């Protein structure tokens, strides 16, 4: 029983870590996209 619980806890922990990593990655991508967009607009405005 205890061993099973530990296994489940480990799985949940891994899932949580994966979810957080995914969230952070998405956030970084969004930020990068946004800054690229800003740079593009600035370049066009500069012309």
Protein backbone atom coordinates (compact mmCIF):
# COMPACT_ATOMS: atom_id res chain seq x y z
CA UNK A 1 0.00 0.00 0.00
CA UNK A 2 2.68 2.48 1.04
CA UNK A 3 4.82 1.64 -1.97
CA UNK A 4 1.86 2.24 -4.24
CA UNK A 5 1.19 5.61 -2.59
CA UNK A 6 4.81 6.64 -3.08
CA UNK A 7 4.58 5.68 -6.76
CA UNK A 8 1.43 7.78 -7.17
CA UNK A 9 3.01 10.71 -5.33
CA UNK A 10 6.06 10.54 -7.59
CA UNK A 11 3.85 10.47 -10.68
CA UNK A 12 1.83 13.45 -9.44
CA UNK A 13 5.04 15.30 -8.66
CA UNK A 14 6.40 14.63 -12.15
CA UNK A 15 3.12 15.73 -13.71
CA UNK A 16 3.15 18.93 -11.65
CA UNK A 17 6.76 19.66 -12.64
CA UNK A 18 5.96 18.98 -16.30
CA UNK A 19 2.93 21.26 -16.12
CA UNK A 20 4.91 24.07 -14.55
CA UNK A 21 7.71 23.65 -17.08
CA UNK A 22 5.17 23.77 -19.90
CA UNK A 23 3.56 26.88 -18.44
CA UNK A 24 6.91 28.64 -18.09
CA UNK A 25 7.95 27.63 -21.61
CA UNK A 26 4.69 28.96 -23.04
CA UNK A 27 5.15 32.20 -21.12
CA UNK A 28 8.68 32.62 -22.50
CA UNK A 29 7.50 31.91 -26.04
CA UNK A 30 4.68 34.46 -25.72
CA UNK A 31 7.12 37.06 -24.40
CA UNK A 32 9.53 36.38 -27.25
CA UNK A 33 6.74 36.57 -29.82
CA UNK A 34 5.61 39.86 -28.32
CA UNK A 35 9.10 41.38 -28.39
CA UNK A 36 9.57 40.19 -31.99
CA UNK A 37 6.28 41.84 -32.88
CA UNK A 38 7.35 45.10 -31.20
CA UNK A 39 10.69 45.01 -33.03
CA UNK A 40 8.94 44.39 -36.34
CA UNK A 41 6.56 47.32 -35.80
CA UNK A 42 9.46 49.57 -34.76
CA UNK A 43 11.41 48.58 -37.89
CA UNK A 44 8.44 49.36 -40.13
CA UNK A 45 7.83 52.67 -38.35
CA UNK A 46 11.50 53.53 -38.78
CA UNK A 47 11.29 53.16 -42.55
